[in-house]
Amino acid sequence: MSDHGALLLDEGLSAGLWRLVRPRLASALTGLELAGEFGTVRITADDLPGDDDCWYRLLPGTDGAPGPVLAITCHPRIFCRHEPLLTTVHPPRAIWEQAAAPRVEDPPGGDDFSLDRTDRFLHHHLLTVSDLYQGSIIGEDIPVHLAEAFAAAWAVCVDGRLERRHLPGYPMSERRGRFSRLFSSAGILLPDHWQVFQSLWEGALAGQREVLGIARRLPRL
């Protein structure tokens, strides 16, 4: 057990990267007042695509570590600096040409670590997990056809709450850009839609029922 009440474990991260991620995880749990909520928090590395995509699992505790186990599965590069695209293929490969075998890369280590990206990711997703764990979000009550829109709207709420608490999170400019890219693919974003975004960010719309109602007014995904 650590001094904040949860056993912190990793699976698949390099030792150098985990050595830097672990204290940020401990700090995020303390800052969000979640120190006593989980018996164990485990970060598991996977090859999930995307900059901040991850999976959550809440599992029963064990005799050695009472309290629920929170497992977060994500790509290890979430905790690292962005890598610019260095090469392109031109002209495009013809469909009958054999593709070169993908290059096997070493897992990212401590030299790749990004403090800002790590803090944003951990605070955002730990607060989202807390909403699920405490019943602020009840997944069974979210219609399947609104799930993606609801998740995007709730993410705006989460980062707005983090900003008001002066804790790390994705800034408004980045969250607004993600909101725009997602919903503009399904239709034209009107001034009313941006008023919705602002209300979500500022906390005027906060409960699941309110956010679900807003999700119905956004372009259908």
Protein backbone atom coordinates (compact mmCIF):
# COMPACT_ATOMS: atom_id res chain seq x y z
CA MET A 1 0.00 0.00 0.00
CA SER A 2 1.15 3.56 -0.68
CA ASP A 3 0.65 6.46 1.66
CA HIS A 4 -2.44 7.60 -0.27
CA GLY A 5 -4.26 4.30 0.29
CA ALA A 6 -4.09 2.58 -3.10
CA LEU A 7 -1.65 0.04 -4.41
CA LEU A 8 -0.31 1.36 -7.74
CA LEU A 9 0.71 -1.22 -10.34
CA ASP A 10 1.61 -1.29 -14.00
CA GLU A 11 1.58 -3.96 -16.66
CA GLY A 12 3.53 -3.56 -19.89
CA LEU A 13 5.07 -0.12 -19.32
CA SER A 14 8.83 0.16 -19.39
CA ALA A 15 10.47 0.54 -15.98
CA GLY A 16 11.76 3.99 -16.90
CA LEU A 17 8.35 5.25 -17.98
CA TRP A 18 6.49 3.76 -15.02
CA ARG A 19 8.96 5.35 -12.60
CA LEU A 20 7.78 8.76 -13.88
CA VAL A 21 4.08 7.94 -14.36
CA ARG A 22 3.60 6.41 -10.91
CA PRO A 23 4.06 9.59 -8.83
CA ARG A 24 1.79 11.50 -11.23
CA LEU A 25 -0.88 8.84 -10.72
CA ALA A 26 -0.51 9.16 -6.95
CA SER A 27 -0.73 12.95 -7.20
CA ALA A 28 -3.85 12.80 -9.40
CA LEU A 29 -5.63 10.48 -6.97
CA THR A 30 -4.83 12.81 -4.11
CA GLY A 31 -5.76 15.99 -6.00
CA LEU A 32 -9.12 14.52 -7.03
CA GLU A 33 -9.77 13.28 -3.48
CA LEU A 34 -9.95 9.70 -4.71
CA ALA A 35 -7.15 8.37 -2.51
CA GLY A 36 -9.43 6.07 -0.53
CA GLU A 37 -11.82 5.04 -3.31
CA PHE A 38 -9.78 2.20 -4.81
CA GLY A 39 -7.72 -0.54 -3.25
CA THR A 40 -5.57 -0.93 -6.38
CA VAL A 41 -5.06 1.15 -9.49
CA ARG A 42 -3.37 -0.64 -12.38
CA ILE A 43 -2.20 0.92 -15.64
CA THR A 44 -1.99 -1.66 -18.42
CA ALA A 45 -0.24 -0.94 -21.72
CA ASP A 46 -1.97 -1.91 -24.94
CA ASP A 47 -1.85 -0.93 -28.61
CA LEU A 48 -5.12 1.05 -28.53
CA PRO A 49 -5.09 3.81 -31.15
CA GLY A 50 -5.67 7.48 -30.48
CA ASP A 51 -4.17 10.15 -28.30
CA ASP A 52 -6.20 9.57 -25.16
CA ASP A 53 -8.33 6.49 -25.77
CA CYS A 54 -8.51 3.98 -22.96
CA TRP A 55 -10.64 1.28 -21.36
CA TYR A 56 -11.76 1.15 -17.74
CA ARG A 57 -12.57 -1.87 -15.63
CA LEU A 58 -13.71 -1.95 -12.00
CA LEU A 59 -13.03 -5.30 -10.39
CA PRO A 60 -13.68 -6.68 -6.89
CA GLY A 61 -10.87 -6.30 -4.38
CA THR A 62 -8.75 -9.15 -3.08
CA ASP A 63 -7.71 -10.22 0.40
CA GLY A 64 -4.29 -8.66 -0.13
CA ALA A 65 -5.70 -5.38 -1.45
CA PRO A 66 -9.22 -4.70 -0.16
CA GLY A 67 -11.37 -2.23 -2.04
CA PRO A 68 -12.21 -2.21 -5.74
CA VAL A 69 -9.49 -2.59 -8.35
CA LEU A 70 -9.44 0.07 -11.07
CA ALA A 71 -7.76 -1.11 -14.27
CA ILE A 72 -6.99 1.47 -16.97
CA THR A 73 -5.81 0.09 -20.30
CA CYS A 74 -4.18 2.54 -22.72
CA HIS A 75 -1.35 3.00 -25.18
CA PRO A 76 1.92 3.83 -23.39
CA ARG A 77 2.49 6.76 -25.76
CA ILE A 78 -0.32 8.57 -23.97
CA PHE A 79 2.30 9.42 -21.36
CA CYS A 80 4.86 10.60 -23.92
CA ARG A 81 5.58 13.57 -26.14
CA HIS A 82 3.78 13.75 -29.46
CA GLU A 83 5.84 12.34 -32.30
CA PRO A 84 5.59 14.26 -35.59
CA LEU A 85 5.01 12.31 -38.79
CA LEU A 86 8.47 12.12 -40.30
CA THR A 87 7.88 10.14 -43.50
CA THR A 88 5.22 9.79 -46.17
CA VAL A 89 4.90 7.43 -49.10
CA HIS A 90 4.52 9.08 -52.51
CA PRO A 91 3.21 7.98 -54.90
CA PRO A 92 0.83 5.71 -52.98
CA ARG A 93 1.57 1.99 -53.03
CA ALA A 94 -0.39 0.08 -55.66
CA ILE A 95 -2.81 -2.48 -54.29
CA TRP A 96 -0.84 -5.37 -55.83
CA GLU A 97 2.48 -4.30 -54.28
CA GLN A 98 3.62 -6.03 -51.14
CA ALA A 99 3.79 -3.78 -48.11
CA ALA A 100 6.98 -3.67 -46.12
CA ALA A 101 6.85 -5.39 -42.76
CA PRO A 102 6.10 -2.94 -39.95
CA ARG A 103 9.11 -1.86 -37.98
CA VAL A 104 9.27 -3.26 -34.47
CA GLU A 105 9.73 -0.38 -32.07
CA ASP A 106 11.04 -0.48 -28.55
CA PRO A 107 8.45 0.50 -25.93
CA PRO A 108 8.70 4.15 -24.93
CA GLY A 109 10.90 4.87 -21.97
CA GLY A 110 11.52 7.65 -19.51
CA ASP A 111 13.24 9.83 -22.11
CA ASP A 112 9.92 10.10 -23.98
CA PHE A 113 7.87 11.13 -20.93
CA SER A 114 5.58 14.19 -21.04
CA LEU A 115 4.47 15.61 -17.70
CA ASP A 116 1.66 17.71 -19.21
CA ARG A 117 0.15 14.93 -21.31
CA THR A 118 0.35 12.49 -18.38
CA ASP A 119 -1.33 14.85 -15.93
CA ARG A 120 -4.11 15.75 -18.36
CA PHE A 121 -4.84 12.15 -19.22
CA LEU A 122 -4.83 10.88 -15.64
CA HIS A 123 -6.97 13.68 -14.19
CA HIS A 124 -9.52 13.54 -17.00
CA HIS A 125 -10.00 9.80 -16.91
CA LEU A 126 -9.81 9.36 -13.15
CA LEU A 127 -12.55 11.96 -12.72
CA THR A 128 -14.63 10.20 -15.39
CA VAL A 129 -14.12 6.87 -13.61
CA SER A 130 -15.18 8.53 -10.36
CA ASP A 131 -18.42 9.68 -12.04
CA LEU A 132 -19.09 6.08 -13.09
CA TYR A 133 -18.14 4.62 -9.72
CA GLN A 134 -20.24 7.08 -7.71
CA GLY A 135 -23.29 6.71 -9.97
CA SER A 136 -23.24 10.13 -11.63
CA ILE A 137 -23.26 8.19 -14.90
CA ILE A 138 -25.51 5.14 -15.22
CA GLY A 139 -24.57 3.46 -18.46
CA GLU A 140 -27.77 1.41 -18.69
CA ASP A 141 -29.79 4.63 -18.93
CA ILE A 142 -27.92 5.93 -22.00
CA PRO A 143 -29.51 4.88 -25.33
CA VAL A 144 -27.04 3.20 -27.63
CA HIS A 145 -27.62 5.68 -30.45
CA LEU A 146 -26.70 8.57 -28.11
CA ALA A 147 -23.71 6.94 -26.41
CA GLU A 148 -21.01 8.60 -28.53
CA ALA A 149 -22.62 12.05 -28.36
CA PHE A 150 -23.17 11.71 -24.61
CA ALA A 151 -19.54 10.67 -24.04
CA ALA A 152 -18.27 13.67 -26.01
CA ALA A 153 -20.56 16.05 -24.12
CA TRP A 154 -19.63 14.54 -20.74
CA ALA A 155 -15.93 14.92 -21.58
CA VAL A 156 -16.53 18.67 -21.95
CA CYS A 157 -18.17 18.72 -18.51
CA VAL A 158 -15.24 16.84 -16.97
CA ASP A 159 -12.56 19.19 -18.30
CA GLY A 160 -14.62 22.23 -17.36
CA ARG A 161 -14.84 20.91 -13.78
CA LEU A 162 -11.11 20.30 -13.71
CA GLU A 163 -10.44 23.87 -14.84
CA ARG A 164 -12.69 25.29 -12.14
CA ARG A 165 -10.83 23.19 -9.57
CA HIS A 166 -7.49 24.42 -10.95
CA LEU A 167 -6.44 20.87 -11.77
CA PRO A 168 -4.85 19.56 -14.99
CA GLY A 169 -7.19 18.65 -17.80
CA TYR A 170 -7.60 19.15 -21.53
CA PRO A 171 -7.90 22.91 -22.15
CA MET A 172 -10.99 24.49 -23.63
CA SER A 173 -9.31 25.07 -27.01
CA GLU A 174 -8.44 21.38 -27.38
CA ARG A 175 -11.79 20.12 -26.12
CA ARG A 176 -13.59 22.59 -28.41
CA GLY A 177 -11.55 21.32 -31.37
CA ARG A 178 -12.47 17.70 -30.62
CA PHE A 179 -16.12 18.67 -30.20
CA SER A 180 -16.04 20.45 -33.56
CA ARG A 181 -14.33 17.61 -35.44
CA LEU A 182 -16.77 15.04 -34.09
CA PHE A 183 -20.08 16.81 -34.56
CA SER A 184 -19.27 18.79 -37.71
CA SER A 185 -18.79 15.44 -39.46
CA ALA A 186 -22.50 14.81 -38.91
CA GLY A 187 -23.88 18.22 -39.80
CA ILE A 188 -23.43 21.96 -39.58
CA LEU A 189 -22.65 23.29 -36.12
CA LEU A 190 -24.99 26.19 -35.39
CA PRO A 191 -24.58 28.97 -32.79
CA ASP A 192 -26.96 27.03 -30.54
CA HIS A 193 -24.57 24.08 -30.58
CA TRP A 194 -21.71 26.29 -29.42
CA GLN A 195 -23.92 27.67 -26.65
CA VAL A 196 -24.42 24.05 -25.61
CA PHE A 197 -20.67 23.53 -25.53
CA GLN A 198 -20.19 26.63 -23.38
CA SER A 199 -22.92 25.56 -20.96
CA LEU A 200 -21.33 22.13 -20.61
CA TRP A 201 -17.89 23.67 -20.01
CA GLU A 202 -19.14 26.17 -17.43
CA GLY A 203 -21.19 23.60 -15.52
CA ALA A 204 -24.63 25.01 -16.27
CA LEU A 205 -25.46 21.56 -17.67
CA ALA A 206 -24.03 18.90 -15.41
CA GLY A 207 -26.34 15.95 -14.62
CA GLN A 208 -26.76 12.87 -16.78
CA ARG A 209 -30.39 13.70 -17.61
CA GLU A 210 -29.46 17.23 -18.71
CA VAL A 211 -26.50 16.06 -20.77
CA LEU A 212 -28.60 13.35 -22.42
CA GLY A 213 -31.16 15.99 -23.37
CA ILE A 214 -28.39 18.08 -24.91
CA ALA A 215 -27.01 15.07 -26.79
CA ARG A 216 -30.35 14.76 -28.56
CA ARG A 217 -30.03 18.35 -29.83
CA LEU A 218 -26.55 17.88 -31.31
CA PRO A 219 -26.00 16.59 -34.88
CA ARG A 220 -26.83 12.88 -35.05
CA LEU A 221 -23.62 10.81 -35.17
